[in-house]
Structures are given as structure tokens and as C-alpha cells.
Protein backbone atom coordinates (compact mmCIF):
# COMPACT_ATOMS: atom_id res chain seq x y z
CA MET A 1 26.87 7.27 10.40
CA SER A 2 27.26 5.97 6.88
CA LEU A 3 25.05 6.35 4.01
CA LYS A 4 24.04 2.67 4.04
CA ALA A 5 23.41 3.07 7.75
CA LEU A 6 21.35 5.81 7.48
CA LEU A 7 19.10 4.28 4.83
CA GLU A 8 18.55 1.40 6.95
CA THR A 9 17.46 3.17 10.25
CA HIS A 10 13.82 4.04 10.56
CA HIS A 11 12.12 5.68 13.70
CA ALA A 12 9.89 2.63 14.34
CA PRO A 13 8.35 -0.23 12.27
CA GLY A 14 5.17 0.63 10.30
CA ARG A 15 1.60 -0.56 11.18
CA LEU A 16 -1.15 -2.15 8.99
CA ASP A 17 -4.14 0.11 9.29
CA TRP A 18 -6.47 -1.38 6.54
CA ILE A 19 -6.86 -4.22 4.33
CA GLY A 20 -9.01 -3.95 0.95
CA LEU A 21 -9.86 -6.63 -1.62
CA ARG A 22 -11.61 -6.56 -4.79
CA ALA A 23 -13.03 -9.81 -6.23
CA LYS A 24 -12.25 -8.47 -9.89
CA ARG A 25 -10.75 -5.71 -11.75
CA LEU A 26 -13.16 -2.93 -11.33
CA ALA A 27 -15.19 -4.39 -8.26
CA PRO A 28 -15.34 -2.07 -5.21
CA LEU A 29 -12.75 -2.88 -2.51
CA ARG A 30 -14.06 -4.55 0.57
CA SER A 31 -12.60 -3.80 3.90
CA MET A 32 -11.11 -6.81 5.80
CA LEU A 33 -9.87 -7.41 9.36
CA GLU A 34 -7.34 -10.17 8.08
CA ALA A 35 -6.15 -11.58 4.97
CA LEU A 36 -4.02 -14.43 3.50
CA ILE A 37 -1.08 -13.25 1.24
CA SER A 38 -0.22 -15.97 -1.56
CA GLU A 39 2.01 -15.55 -4.30
CA ALA A 40 -0.54 -14.36 -6.45
CA GLY A 41 -1.37 -11.39 -3.93
CA LEU A 42 -4.14 -11.18 -1.49
CA GLU A 43 -6.51 -14.04 -1.54
CA GLY A 44 -10.02 -13.12 -2.63
CA ASP A 45 -8.28 -9.99 -4.58
CA HIS A 46 -7.76 -10.08 -8.38
CA GLY A 47 -3.97 -9.75 -8.04
CA ARG A 48 -1.65 -11.59 -9.90
CA PRO A 49 1.93 -12.91 -9.14
CA GLY A 50 4.83 -10.62 -9.73
CA LYS A 51 6.34 -7.24 -9.04
CA ARG A 52 2.59 -5.72 -8.39
CA ALA A 53 0.96 -8.73 -6.52
CA VAL A 54 0.16 -6.48 -3.75
CA THR A 55 -0.24 -2.47 -3.39
CA LEU A 56 0.36 -0.27 -0.40
CA ILE A 57 -0.16 3.11 0.42
CA GLN A 58 1.01 5.28 2.94
CA ALA A 59 -1.42 6.43 5.52
CA GLU A 60 -0.12 9.73 6.09
CA HIS A 61 -0.64 10.43 2.57
CA LEU A 62 -4.55 10.12 2.51
CA PRO A 63 -4.97 13.86 4.30
CA VAL A 64 -2.64 14.96 1.48
CA ILE A 65 -4.10 13.58 -1.35
CA ALA A 66 -7.65 14.66 0.03
CA ALA A 67 -6.52 18.29 0.58
CA LEU A 68 -4.92 18.45 -2.82
CA CYS A 69 -8.75 17.36 -4.12
CA GLY A 70 -10.51 19.73 -2.05
CA HIS A 71 -11.93 16.87 0.03
CA GLU A 72 -11.98 16.97 3.96
CA ALA A 73 -11.00 13.33 4.23
CA LEU A 74 -11.01 9.98 1.90
CA PRO A 75 -11.74 6.40 2.85
CA PRO A 76 -9.01 4.22 1.70
CA GLU A 77 -11.14 1.94 -0.76
CA VAL A 78 -11.50 5.20 -2.77
CA LEU A 79 -7.75 4.93 -3.94
CA ARG A 80 -7.98 1.22 -4.53
CA ARG A 81 -4.83 0.00 -2.79
CA ASN A 82 -4.68 -3.26 -0.78
CA LEU A 83 -2.93 -1.96 2.30
CA VAL A 84 -2.61 1.21 4.29
CA ILE A 85 0.50 1.64 6.29
CA SER A 86 1.23 4.08 8.78
CA GLY A 87 4.35 5.15 10.94
CA ILE A 88 7.23 4.42 8.22
CA ASN A 89 8.10 6.10 5.28
CA LEU A 90 7.30 3.64 2.51
CA SER A 91 9.21 5.42 0.03
CA ALA A 92 12.43 4.54 1.71
CA LEU A 93 11.46 0.86 1.44
CA ARG A 94 12.06 0.63 -2.53
CA GLY A 95 13.80 -2.46 -3.27
CA ARG A 96 13.57 -3.74 0.39
CA GLU A 97 12.41 -6.71 1.67
CA VAL A 98 9.72 -6.11 4.59
CA THR A 99 8.20 -8.45 7.12
CA LEU A 100 4.23 -7.83 7.60
CA GLY A 101 2.67 -10.14 9.77
CA GLU A 102 3.56 -13.81 8.65
CA ALA A 103 4.31 -12.62 5.16
CA ARG A 104 7.45 -11.14 3.82
CA LEU A 105 7.44 -8.69 0.74
CA ARG A 106 9.66 -7.02 -1.51
CA PHE A 107 8.95 -3.24 -2.63
CA THR A 108 9.39 -3.04 -6.35
CA THR A 109 7.91 -0.29 -8.02
CA VAL A 110 5.71 2.84 -7.75
CA CYS A 111 2.10 2.42 -7.96
CA ALA A 112 1.04 5.09 -10.32
CA PRO A 113 -2.47 6.51 -10.23
CA CYS A 114 -4.89 5.66 -13.17
CA SER A 115 -7.21 7.74 -14.94
CA ARG A 116 -10.10 6.43 -12.86
CA MET A 117 -8.88 8.49 -10.21
CA GLU A 118 -10.37 11.72 -12.01
CA LYS A 119 -13.71 10.30 -11.65
CA ALA A 120 -13.32 8.81 -7.96
CA LEU A 121 -11.72 12.20 -6.47
CA GLY A 122 -12.89 14.70 -9.12
CA GLN A 123 -11.15 16.97 -11.46
CA GLY A 124 -7.41 16.82 -10.73
CA GLY A 125 -7.75 13.92 -8.87
CA TYR A 126 -5.11 12.07 -11.12
CA ASN A 127 -2.50 14.66 -10.35
CA ALA A 128 -3.42 14.76 -6.49
CA MET A 129 -2.31 11.19 -6.30
CA ARG A 130 0.90 11.74 -8.17
CA GLY A 131 3.93 10.99 -5.67
CA HIS A 132 1.36 9.73 -3.16
CA GLY A 133 -0.14 6.88 -4.90
CA GLY A 134 1.90 4.32 -2.73
CA TRP A 135 4.28 1.20 -3.94
CA CYS A 136 3.89 -2.27 -5.51
CA ALA A 137 5.37 -5.04 -3.84
CA GLU A 138 5.87 -8.80 -4.93
CA VAL A 139 5.56 -11.77 -2.49
CA ILE A 140 8.64 -13.44 -1.28
CA HIS A 141 7.05 -15.51 1.42
CA PRO A 142 3.07 -15.85 1.79
CA GLY A 143 1.32 -15.44 5.05
CA ALA A 144 -1.52 -14.36 7.31
CA ILE A 145 -1.83 -10.55 8.17
CA ARG A 146 -4.01 -8.83 10.48
CA ILE A 147 -4.73 -4.99 11.29
CA GLY A 148 -2.29 -3.92 13.81
CA ASP A 149 0.47 -6.32 12.38
CA ARG A 150 4.00 -4.36 12.27
CA LEU A 151 5.65 -3.63 8.97
CA THR A 152 9.53 -4.10 9.63
CA PRO A 153 12.13 -3.81 7.20
CA THR A 154 14.14 -7.03 6.86
């Protein structure tokens, strides 16, 4: 196989496991069963249009972050990302467009942790999230998303 073909081959599509919205910048996240993605990000979220409109994190990284912080488990809202995706390596999607439910997104940049993680996760929380903090995406085509939707590279 060529390198190009290897980079485009995934075991299976991803799955949307969790949706979180925050009405304003420092507000707690509310867990949702469905949401509408507009050009500015998830409706009801404080997002803005552009390359950081939606934030995604790998479900498989949550136990890693928890372990690195000395916790048994972490609920996704603590990590302040909009979407939790399982079953596909999000890092392998950098720069790629994906379909999620009715929406189309483009992965743009790493979603680096912020200093608030030190308070939320305890001492070392910022460093525990480094390399596991997820990705930012811009909205290419708005649409509805629901828990259980597939995330498929296009």
C-alpha cells in the first residue's frame, strides 16, 4: 500500500458518544443528546466561527488523562470539549474533512489544554492533558448531530 492509502485507511468510522454545550465562556457544560452545528459551532454553545468552532476529544483518552491525574475516571464535561468521539484515531484526521451526522467538519489544530485544567483535575492536570486534549474543527457544512452518529472521513 502507498503511504497515501495507509493515511486514508481506518479500521472503522468513529462514534459520537457525548455532546456538551456551554452557554458562555466559563459556564459549566450541559450534556445533550443532540445538537445543531451552525457555522459558529454548536448552537447554544459560546463557540465562534472559524478554525476553532467545534472541539473534539478522543473517548479512549479520557481514562489515560484520569490515570495521569490519579483519578479513577473523569466525566467528559470536566475536560471542556464539545464532542467525545470513540473508535477512530482523531489525530489521524488532522487537516481532513469528516462527516458527523448531517454536518461536515474539517480538523484544523490541536486543542491544547488551558491552565484551568490544573484546578479541574488537580496538580499536574495541565500536563496530563498534553497530547490528549483533542482537536479543533471548522464547520464546512452545518447540520444536526445525535449521540450514536458516525464520524466518517470524507
